[in-house]
């Protein structure tokens, strides 16, 4: 696993735990991965490009599916 991939997974864990919103993750991801290349980056980029076709719950599920053995918590409301 590339170092950038580990950083991405750490950020996705923060999303799963409710410390980071999807929008905050997206902003971080775009800024941090600009000019980087990995399969994980490409897959997440594709999901983010297609996000307008997904509900927020679907988007969250798609992103958190990259976490191994992660039981995602429901998205915070309010």
Protein backbone atom coordinates (compact mmCIF):
# COMPACT_ATOMS: atom_id res chain seq x y z
CA UNK A 1 0.00 0.00 0.00
CA UNK A 2 1.29 3.43 -0.91
CA UNK A 3 1.69 6.05 1.81
CA UNK A 4 -0.94 8.28 0.20
CA UNK A 5 -3.43 5.40 0.32
CA UNK A 6 -2.85 5.04 4.07
CA UNK A 7 -3.52 8.77 4.50
CA UNK A 8 -6.75 8.44 2.52
CA UNK A 9 -7.91 5.51 4.63
CA UNK A 10 -7.12 7.47 7.81
CA UNK A 11 -9.30 10.33 6.54
CA UNK A 12 -12.09 7.91 5.61
CA UNK A 13 -11.94 6.49 9.15
CA UNK A 14 -12.58 10.02 10.42
CA UNK A 15 -15.63 10.18 8.14
CA UNK A 16 -16.85 6.82 9.46
CA UNK A 17 -16.41 8.00 13.05
CA UNK A 18 -18.27 11.26 12.40
CA UNK A 19 -15.29 13.59 12.88
CA UNK A 20 -15.17 14.61 9.21
CA UNK A 21 -18.02 15.26 6.77
CA UNK A 22 -18.08 13.95 3.22
CA UNK A 23 -17.62 17.54 1.99
CA UNK A 24 -14.59 18.02 4.25
CA UNK A 25 -13.14 14.71 3.06
CA UNK A 26 -13.69 15.69 -0.56
CA UNK A 27 -11.93 19.03 -0.04
CA UNK A 28 -9.02 17.31 1.72
CA UNK A 29 -8.84 14.57 -0.93
CA UNK A 30 -8.71 16.98 -3.86
CA UNK A 31 -6.04 19.14 -2.25
CA UNK A 32 -3.91 16.30 -0.94
CA UNK A 33 -3.99 13.94 -3.93
CA UNK A 34 -3.46 16.54 -6.68
CA UNK A 35 -0.57 15.20 -8.79
CA UNK A 36 -0.57 11.83 -6.98
CA UNK A 37 -1.53 8.55 -8.58
CA UNK A 38 -2.81 5.29 -7.16
CA UNK A 39 -5.65 2.91 -7.83
CA UNK A 40 -7.43 4.08 -4.66
CA UNK A 41 -7.16 7.73 -5.71
CA UNK A 42 -8.59 6.91 -9.13
CA UNK A 43 -11.50 4.95 -7.64
CA UNK A 44 -12.37 7.70 -5.17
CA UNK A 45 -12.04 10.36 -7.87
CA UNK A 46 -14.54 8.41 -9.98
CA UNK A 47 -17.01 8.20 -7.09
CA UNK A 48 -16.68 11.92 -6.37
CA UNK A 49 -17.22 12.80 -10.03
CA UNK A 50 -20.39 10.70 -10.06
CA UNK A 51 -21.64 11.96 -6.67
CA UNK A 52 -24.49 13.93 -8.20
CA UNK A 53 -26.05 10.61 -9.21
CA UNK A 54 -25.95 9.27 -5.63
CA UNK A 55 -27.82 10.07 -2.46
CA UNK A 56 -25.65 11.21 0.44
CA UNK A 57 -26.13 7.80 2.04
CA UNK A 58 -25.04 6.01 -1.12
CA UNK A 59 -22.02 8.29 -1.47
CA UNK A 60 -21.06 7.63 2.14
CA UNK A 61 -21.44 3.88 1.67
CA UNK A 62 -19.39 3.91 -1.53
CA UNK A 63 -16.55 5.79 0.14
CA UNK A 64 -16.57 3.84 3.39
CA UNK A 65 -16.53 0.55 1.48
CA UNK A 66 -12.77 1.10 1.06
CA UNK A 67 -12.24 0.64 4.79
CA UNK A 68 -11.43 -2.93 5.78
CA UNK A 69 -13.82 -4.42 8.34
CA UNK A 70 -15.46 -1.07 8.98
CA UNK A 71 -18.95 -0.90 10.34
CA UNK A 72 -19.99 2.59 9.22
CA UNK A 73 -22.02 4.64 11.62
CA UNK A 74 -25.05 6.44 10.27
CA UNK A 75 -24.34 9.88 8.87
CA UNK A 76 -24.80 12.59 11.50
CA UNK A 77 -28.02 14.54 11.19
CA UNK A 78 -28.66 18.15 11.94
